[in-house]
Amino acid sequence: MSDFTIVAPRFIQVGGGSVALVADVLAKFGLSRPLVVTDPFMVKSGLLERCLAPLARAGISAGVFSDTIPEPT
């Protein structure tokens, strides 16, 4: 197994329009290849696209994993 590093900064951005800042937040931490983990509803509802659009405008391609089982609560 190859050595690797995981960067998991503790940063939470809250507030109206915060999703528009996602590319800036990634740049702040030197990150360029995000993986978005979500559930099928977020994909079908279009909410995921609202998160990915600012990344695409910044030239950032995000991986998406959406084969999760949603929590019923």
PDB file of N, CA and C in Angstrom:
ATOM      1  N   MET A   1       0.846  -1.171   0.000  1.00  0.00           N
ATOM      2  CA  MET A   1       0.000   0.000   0.000  1.00  0.00           C
ATOM      3  C   MET A   1       0.893   1.236   0.000  1.00  0.00           C
ATOM      4  N   SER A   2       0.559   2.194  -0.837  1.00  0.00           N
ATOM      5  CA  SER A   2       1.321   3.440  -0.917  1.00  0.00           C
ATOM      6  C   SER A   2       0.977   4.355   0.245  1.00  0.00           C
ATOM      7  N   ASP A   3       1.955   5.150   0.642  1.00  0.00           N
ATOM      8  CA  ASP A   3       1.699   6.163   1.661  1.00  0.00           C
ATOM      9  C   ASP A   3       0.822   7.254   1.069  1.00  0.00           C
ATOM     10  N   PHE A   4      -0.011   7.848   1.884  1.00  0.00           N
ATOM     11  CA  PHE A   4      -0.849   8.948   1.428  1.00  0.00           C
ATOM     12  C   PHE A   4      -1.191   9.839   2.602  1.00  0.00           C
ATOM     13  N   THR A   5      -1.683  11.008   2.294  1.00  0.00           N
ATOM     14  CA  THR A   5      -2.072  11.983   3.303  1.00  0.00           C
ATOM     15  C   THR A   5      -3.528  12.355   3.098  1.00  0.00           C
ATOM     16  N   ILE A   6      -4.274  12.425   4.187  1.00  0.00           N
ATOM     17  CA  ILE A   6      -5.661  12.876   4.141  1.00  0.00           C
ATOM     18  C   ILE A   6      -5.732  14.224   4.840  1.00  0.00           C
ATOM     19  N   VAL A   7      -6.286  15.202   4.152  1.00  0.00           N
ATOM     20  CA  VAL A   7      -6.470  16.531   4.730  1.00  0.00           C
ATOM     21  C   VAL A   7      -7.944  16.684   5.073  1.00  0.00           C
ATOM     22  N   ALA A   8      -8.238  16.877   6.337  1.00  0.00           N
ATOM     23  CA  ALA A   8      -9.622  17.028   6.787  1.00  0.00           C
ATOM     24  C   ALA A   8      -9.712  18.243   7.714  1.00  0.00           C
ATOM     25  N   PRO A   9      -9.645  19.428   7.119  1.00  0.00           N
ATOM     26  CA  PRO A   9      -9.667  20.628   7.962  1.00  0.00           C
ATOM     27  C   PRO A   9     -11.016  20.820   8.638  1.00  0.00           C
ATOM     28  N   ARG A  10     -10.987  21.420   9.805  1.00  0.00           N
ATOM     29  CA  ARG A  10     -12.222  21.732  10.531  1.00  0.00           C
ATOM     30  C   ARG A  10     -12.658  23.131  10.140  1.00  0.00           C
ATOM     31  N   PHE A  11     -13.567  23.180   9.207  1.00  0.00           N
ATOM     32  CA  PHE A  11     -14.047  24.460   8.709  1.00  0.00           C
ATOM     33  C   PHE A  11     -15.500  24.301   8.319  1.00  0.00           C
ATOM     34  N   ILE A  12     -16.356  25.142   8.852  1.00  0.00           N
ATOM     35  CA  ILE A  12     -17.777  25.105   8.514  1.00  0.00           C
ATOM     36  C   ILE A  12     -18.192  26.510   8.100  1.00  0.00           C
ATOM     37  N   GLN A  13     -18.719  26.631   6.886  1.00  0.00           N
ATOM     38  CA  GLN A  13     -19.217  27.914   6.373  1.00  0.00           C
ATOM     39  C   GLN A  13     -20.734  27.846   6.391  1.00  0.00           C
ATOM     40  N   VAL A  14     -21.375  28.752   7.104  1.00  0.00           N
ATOM     41  CA  VAL A  14     -22.828  28.744   7.249  1.00  0.00           C
ATOM     42  C   VAL A  14     -23.386  30.087   6.809  1.00  0.00           C
ATOM     43  N   GLY A  15     -24.526  30.052   6.121  1.00  0.00           N
ATOM     44  CA  GLY A  15     -25.197  31.296   5.756  1.00  0.00           C
ATOM     45  C   GLY A  15     -25.700  31.266   4.332  1.00  0.00           C
ATOM     46  N   GLY A  16     -26.619  32.156   4.046  1.00  0.00           N
ATOM     47  CA  GLY A  16     -27.179  32.251   2.709  1.00  0.00           C
ATOM     48  C   GLY A  16     -26.096  32.493   1.672  1.00  0.00           C
ATOM     49  N   GLY A  17     -26.113  31.711   0.611  1.00  0.00           N
ATOM     50  CA  GLY A  17     -25.132  31.873  -0.453  1.00  0.00           C
ATOM     51  C   GLY A  17     -23.784  31.247  -0.183  1.00  0.00           C
ATOM     52  N   SER A  18     -23.655  30.520   0.899  1.00  0.00           N
ATOM     53  CA  SER A  18     -22.359  29.926   1.250  1.00  0.00           C
ATOM     54  C   SER A  18     -21.849  28.970   0.185  1.00  0.00           C
ATOM     55  N   VAL A  19     -22.754  28.292  -0.499  1.00  0.00           N
ATOM     56  CA  VAL A  19     -22.327  27.318  -1.507  1.00  0.00           C
ATOM     57  C   VAL A  19     -21.529  27.996  -2.624  1.00  0.00           C
ATOM     58  N   ALA A  20     -21.777  29.266  -2.863  1.00  0.00           N
ATOM     59  CA  ALA A  20     -21.043  29.993  -3.898  1.00  0.00           C
ATOM     60  C   ALA A  20     -19.570  30.162  -3.537  1.00  0.00           C
ATOM     61  N   LEU A  21     -19.232  29.966  -2.273  1.00  0.00           N
ATOM     62  CA  LEU A  21     -17.860  30.156  -1.805  1.00  0.00           C
ATOM     63  C   LEU A  21     -17.040  28.872  -1.792  1.00  0.00           C
ATOM     64  N   VAL A  22     -17.634  27.765  -2.216  1.00  0.00           N
ATOM     65  CA  VAL A  22     -16.975  26.466  -2.058  1.00  0.00           C
ATOM     66  C   VAL A  22     -15.621  26.407  -2.772  1.00  0.00           C
ATOM     67  N   ALA A  23     -15.515  26.972  -3.955  1.00  0.00           N
ATOM     68  CA  ALA A  23     -14.230  26.948  -4.668  1.00  0.00           C
ATOM     69  C   ALA A  23     -13.170  27.749  -3.911  1.00  0.00           C
ATOM     70  N   ASP A  24     -13.565  28.876  -3.331  1.00  0.00           N
ATOM     71  CA  ASP A  24     -12.623  29.682  -2.546  1.00  0.00           C
ATOM     72  C   ASP A  24     -12.153  28.938  -1.301  1.00  0.00           C
ATOM     73  N   VAL A  25     -13.055  28.206  -0.675  1.00  0.00           N
ATOM     74  CA  VAL A  25     -12.701  27.436   0.522  1.00  0.00           C
ATOM     75  C   VAL A  25     -11.708  26.339   0.160  1.00  0.00           C
ATOM     76  N   LEU A  26     -11.950  25.651  -0.948  1.00  0.00           N
ATOM     77  CA  LEU A  26     -11.008  24.616  -1.381  1.00  0.00           C
ATOM     78  C   LEU A  26      -9.628  25.221  -1.630  1.00  0.00           C
ATOM     79  N   ALA A  27      -9.596  26.358  -2.307  1.00  0.00           N
ATOM     80  CA  ALA A  27      -8.316  27.013  -2.596  1.00  0.00           C
ATOM     81  C   ALA A  27      -7.602  27.417  -1.309  1.00  0.00           C
ATOM     82  N   LYS A  28      -8.362  27.884  -0.328  1.00  0.00           N
ATOM     83  CA  LYS A  28      -7.779  28.297   0.958  1.00  0.00           C
ATOM     84  C   LYS A  28      -6.993  27.164   1.607  1.00  0.00           C
ATOM     85  N   PHE A  29      -7.488  25.940   1.436  1.00  0.00           N
ATOM     86  CA  PHE A  29      -6.834  24.783   2.038  1.00  0.00           C
ATOM     87  C   PHE A  29      -5.934  24.031   1.057  1.00  0.00           C
ATOM     88  N   GLY A  30      -5.762  24.570  -0.136  1.00  0.00           N
ATOM     89  CA  GLY A  30      -4.891  23.945  -1.123  1.00  0.00           C
ATOM     90  C   GLY A  30      -5.463  22.665  -1.708  1.00  0.00           C
ATOM     91  N   LEU A  31      -6.779  22.576  -1.764  1.00  0.00           N
ATOM     92  CA  LEU A  31      -7.443  21.375  -2.270  1.00  0.00           C
ATOM     93  C   LEU A  31      -7.970  21.621  -3.676  1.00  0.00           C
ATOM     94  N   SER A  32      -7.875  20.609  -4.536  1.00  0.00           N
ATOM     95  CA  SER A  32      -8.313  20.804  -5.918  1.00  0.00           C
ATOM     96  C   SER A  32      -9.092  19.628  -6.496  1.00  0.00           C
ATOM     97  N   ARG A  33      -9.221  18.542  -5.761  1.00  0.00           N
ATOM     98  CA  ARG A  33      -9.921  17.361  -6.274  1.00  0.00           C
ATOM     99  C   ARG A  33     -10.925  16.861  -5.239  1.00  0.00           C
ATOM    100  N   PRO A  34     -12.021  17.594  -5.017  1.00  0.00           N
ATOM    101  CA  PRO A  34     -12.975  17.201  -3.979  1.00  0.00           C
ATOM    102  C   PRO A  34     -13.786  15.971  -4.363  1.00  0.00           C
ATOM    103  N   LEU A  35     -14.201  15.236  -3.358  1.00  0.00           N
ATOM    104  CA  LEU A  35     -15.140  14.126  -3.520  1.00  0.00           C
ATOM    105  C   LEU A  35     -16.382  14.495  -2.727  1.00  0.00           C
ATOM    106  N   VAL A  36     -17.509  14.586  -3.412  1.00  0.00           N
ATOM    107  CA  VAL A  36     -18.776  14.915  -2.776  1.00  0.00           C
ATOM    108  C   VAL A  36     -19.516  13.611  -2.517  1.00  0.00           C
ATOM    109  N   VAL A  37     -19.845  13.354  -1.264  1.00  0.00           N
ATOM    110  CA  VAL A  37     -20.595  12.156  -0.885  1.00  0.00           C
ATOM    111  C   VAL A  37     -22.004  12.601  -0.531  1.00  0.00           C
ATOM    112  N   THR A  38     -22.981  12.029  -1.214  1.00  0.00           N
ATOM    113  CA  THR A  38     -24.365  12.456  -1.050  1.00  0.00           C
ATOM    114  C   THR A  38     -25.293  11.264  -1.246  1.00  0.00           C
ATOM    115  N   ASP A  39     -26.596  11.523  -1.288  1.00  0.00           N
ATOM    116  CA  ASP A  39     -27.544  10.436  -1.523  1.00  0.00           C
ATOM    117  C   ASP A  39     -28.301  10.678  -2.826  1.00  0.00           C
ATOM    118  N   PRO A  40     -28.999   9.667  -3.328  1.00  0.00           N
ATOM    119  CA  PRO A  40     -29.691   9.790  -4.613  1.00  0.00           C
ATOM    120  C   PRO A  40     -30.698  10.946  -4.663  1.00  0.00           C
ATOM    121  N   PHE A  41     -31.354  11.262  -3.548  1.00  0.00           N
ATOM    122  CA  PHE A  41     -32.322  12.361  -3.553  1.00  0.00           C
ATOM    123  C   PHE A  41     -31.661  13.681  -3.914  1.00  0.00           C
ATOM    124  N   MET A  42     -30.498  13.938  -3.359  1.00  0.00           N
ATOM    125  CA  MET A  42     -29.807  15.201  -3.630  1.00  0.00           C
ATOM    126  C   MET A  42     -29.463  15.326  -5.114  1.00  0.00           C
ATOM    127  N   VAL A  43     -29.158  14.202  -5.753  1.00  0.00           N
ATOM    128  CA  VAL A  43     -28.862  14.214  -7.185  1.00  0.00           C
ATOM    129  C   VAL A  43     -30.142  14.487  -7.969  1.00  0.00           C
ATOM    130  N   LYS A  44     -31.195  13.714  -7.683  1.00  0.00           N
ATOM    131  CA  LYS A  44     -32.456  13.835  -8.430  1.00  0.00           C
ATOM    132  C   LYS A  44     -33.122  15.185  -8.230  1.00  0.00           C
ATOM    133  N   SER A  45     -32.972  15.779  -7.067  1.00  0.00           N
ATOM    134  CA  SER A  45     -33.645  17.047  -6.761  1.00  0.00           C
ATOM    135  C   SER A  45     -32.958  18.260  -7.386  1.00  0.00           C
ATOM    136  N   GLY A  46     -31.737  18.083  -7.859  1.00  0.00           N
ATOM    137  CA  GLY A  46     -30.993  19.203  -8.417  1.00  0.00           C
ATOM    138  C   GLY A  46     -30.158  19.958  -7.393  1.00  0.00           C
ATOM    139  N   LEU A  47     -30.284  19.591  -6.125  1.00  0.00           N
ATOM    140  CA  LEU A  47     -29.513  20.282  -5.088  1.00  0.00           C
ATOM    141  C   LEU A  47     -28.014  20.044  -5.233  1.00  0.00           C
ATOM    142  N   LEU A  48     -27.649  18.861  -5.672  1.00  0.00           N
ATOM    143  CA  LEU A  48     -26.226  18.583  -5.870  1.00  0.00           C
ATOM    144  C   LEU A  48     -25.645  19.514  -6.925  1.00  0.00           C
ATOM    145  N   GLU A  49     -26.384  19.725  -7.999  1.00  0.00           N
ATOM    146  CA  GLU A  49     -25.896  20.594  -9.071  1.00  0.00           C
ATOM    147  C   GLU A  49     -25.636  22.010  -8.565  1.00  0.00           C
ATOM    148  N   ARG A  50     -26.430  22.468  -7.610  1.00  0.00           N
ATOM    149  CA  ARG A  50     -26.202  23.800  -7.029  1.00  0.00           C
ATOM    150  C   ARG A  50     -24.847  23.863  -6.330  1.00  0.00           C
ATOM    151  N   CYS A  51     -24.388  22.736  -5.819  1.00  0.00           N
ATOM    152  CA  CYS A  51     -23.072  22.686  -5.162  1.00  0.00           C
ATOM    153  C   CYS A  51     -21.938  22.533  -6.174  1.00  0.00           C
ATOM    154  N   LEU A  52     -22.207  21.798  -7.246  1.00  0.00           N
ATOM    155  CA  LEU A  52     -21.160  21.537  -8.230  1.00  0.00           C
ATOM    156  C   LEU A  52     -20.935  22.703  -9.188  1.00  0.00           C
ATOM    157  N   ALA A  53     -21.973  23.500  -9.435  1.00  0.00           N
ATOM    158  CA  ALA A  53     -21.862  24.592 -10.407  1.00  0.00           C
ATOM    159  C   ALA A  53     -20.750  25.588 -10.066  1.00  0.00           C
ATOM    160  N   PRO A  54     -20.639  26.045  -8.814  1.00  0.00           N
ATOM    161  CA  PRO A  54     -19.540  26.977  -8.509  1.00  0.00           C
ATOM    162  C   PRO A  54     -18.162  26.340  -8.719  1.00  0.00           C
ATOM    163  N   LEU A  55     -18.070  25.048  -8.484  1.00  0.00           N
ATOM    164  CA  LEU A  55     -16.801  24.359  -8.715  1.00  0.00           C
ATOM    165  C   LEU A  55     -16.478  24.338 -10.201  1.00  0.00           C
ATOM    166  N   ALA A  56     -17.474  24.001 -11.015  1.00  0.00           N
ATOM    167  CA  ALA A  56     -17.261  23.950 -12.462  1.00  0.00           C
ATOM    168  C   ALA A  56     -16.843  25.317 -13.001  1.00  0.00           C
ATOM    169  N   ARG A  57     -17.477  26.378 -12.509  1.00  0.00           N
ATOM    170  CA  ARG A  57     -17.113  27.729 -12.959  1.00  0.00           C
ATOM    171  C   ARG A  57     -15.664  28.067 -12.607  1.00  0.00           C
ATOM    172  N   ALA A  58     -15.160  27.457 -11.538  1.00  0.00           N
ATOM    173  CA  ALA A  58     -13.776  27.690 -11.116  1.00  0.00           C
ATOM    174  C   ALA A  58     -12.811  26.702 -11.768  1.00  0.00           C
ATOM    175  N   GLY A  59     -13.333  25.845 -12.658  1.00  0.00           N
ATOM    176  CA  GLY A  59     -12.481  24.871 -13.337  1.00  0.00           C
ATOM    177  C   GLY A  59     -12.125  23.672 -12.484  1.00  0.00           C
ATOM    178  N   ILE A  60     -12.926  23.408 -11.450  1.00  0.00           N
ATOM    179  CA  ILE A  60     -12.676  22.289 -10.544  1.00  0.00           C
ATOM    180  C   ILE A  60     -13.659  21.170 -10.853  1.00  0.00           C
ATOM    181  N   SER A  61     -13.133  19.994 -11.110  1.00  0.00           N
ATOM    182  CA  SER A  61     -13.964  18.823 -11.377  1.00  0.00           C
ATOM    183  C   SER A  61     -14.060  17.991 -10.107  1.00  0.00           C
ATOM    184  N   ALA A  62     -15.271  17.828  -9.609  1.00  0.00           N
ATOM    185  CA  ALA A  62     -15.477  17.076  -8.366  1.00  0.00           C
ATOM    186  C   ALA A  62     -15.924  15.658  -8.677  1.00  0.00           C
ATOM    187  N   GLY A  63     -15.405  14.705  -7.919  1.00  0.00           N
ATOM    188  CA  GLY A  63     -15.932  13.354  -7.968  1.00  0.00           C
ATOM    189  C   GLY A  63     -17.212  13.314  -7.147  1.00  0.00           C
ATOM    190  N   VAL A  64     -18.142  12.467  -7.538  1.00  0.00           N
ATOM    191  CA  VAL A  64     -19.407  12.356  -6.811  1.00  0.00           C
ATOM    192  C   VAL A  64     -19.678  10.891  -6.510  1.00  0.00           C
ATOM    193  N   PHE A  65     -19.987  10.592  -5.256  1.00  0.00           N
ATOM    194  CA  PHE A  65     -20.449   9.269  -4.846  1.00  0.00           C
ATOM    195  C   PHE A  65     -21.842   9.465  -4.280  1.00  0.00           C
ATOM    196  N   SER A  66     -22.846   8.873  -4.944  1.00  0.00           N
ATOM    197  CA  SER A  66     -24.229   9.067  -4.499  1.00  0.00           C
ATOM    198  C   SER A  66     -24.960   7.755  -4.251  1.00  0.00           C
ATOM    199  N   ASP A  67     -24.243   6.669  -4.177  1.00  0.00           N
ATOM    200  CA  ASP A  67     -24.873   5.366  -3.932  1.00  0.00           C
ATOM    201  C   ASP A  67     -24.980   5.079  -2.442  1.00  0.00           C
ATOM    202  N   THR A  68     -25.339   6.076  -1.685  1.00  0.00           N
ATOM    203  CA  THR A  68     -25.502   5.902  -0.248  1.00  0.00           C
ATOM    204  C   THR A  68     -26.956   5.599   0.067  1.00  0.00           C
ATOM    205  N   ILE A  69     -27.194   5.106   1.251  1.00  0.00           N
ATOM    206  CA  ILE A  69     -28.553   4.863   1.720  1.00  0.00           C
ATOM    207  C   ILE A  69     -28.919   6.032   2.622  1.00  0.00           C
ATOM    208  N   PRO A  70     -29.972   6.787   2.263  1.00  0.00           N
ATOM    209  CA  PRO A  70     -30.319   7.950   3.081  1.00  0.00           C
ATOM    210  C   PRO A  70     -30.804   7.559   4.465  1.00  0.00           C
ATOM    211  N   GLU A  71     -30.484   8.407   5.431  1.00  0.00           N
ATOM    212  CA  GLU A  71     -30.968   8.199   6.789  1.00  0.00           C
ATOM    213  C   GLU A  71     -32.426   8.645   6.841  1.00  0.00           C
ATOM    214  N   PRO A  72     -33.300   7.850   7.431  1.00  0.00           N
ATOM    215  CA  PRO A  72     -34.731   8.167   7.394  1.00  0.00           C
ATOM    216  C   PRO A  72     -35.158   9.333   8.275  1.00  0.00           C
ATOM    217  N   THR A  73     -34.288   9.843   9.136  1.00  0.00           N
ATOM    218  CA  THR A  73     -34.737  10.910  10.041  1.00  0.00           C
ATOM    219  C   THR A  73     -34.571  12.243   9.441  1.00  0.00           C
TER     220      THR A  73
END
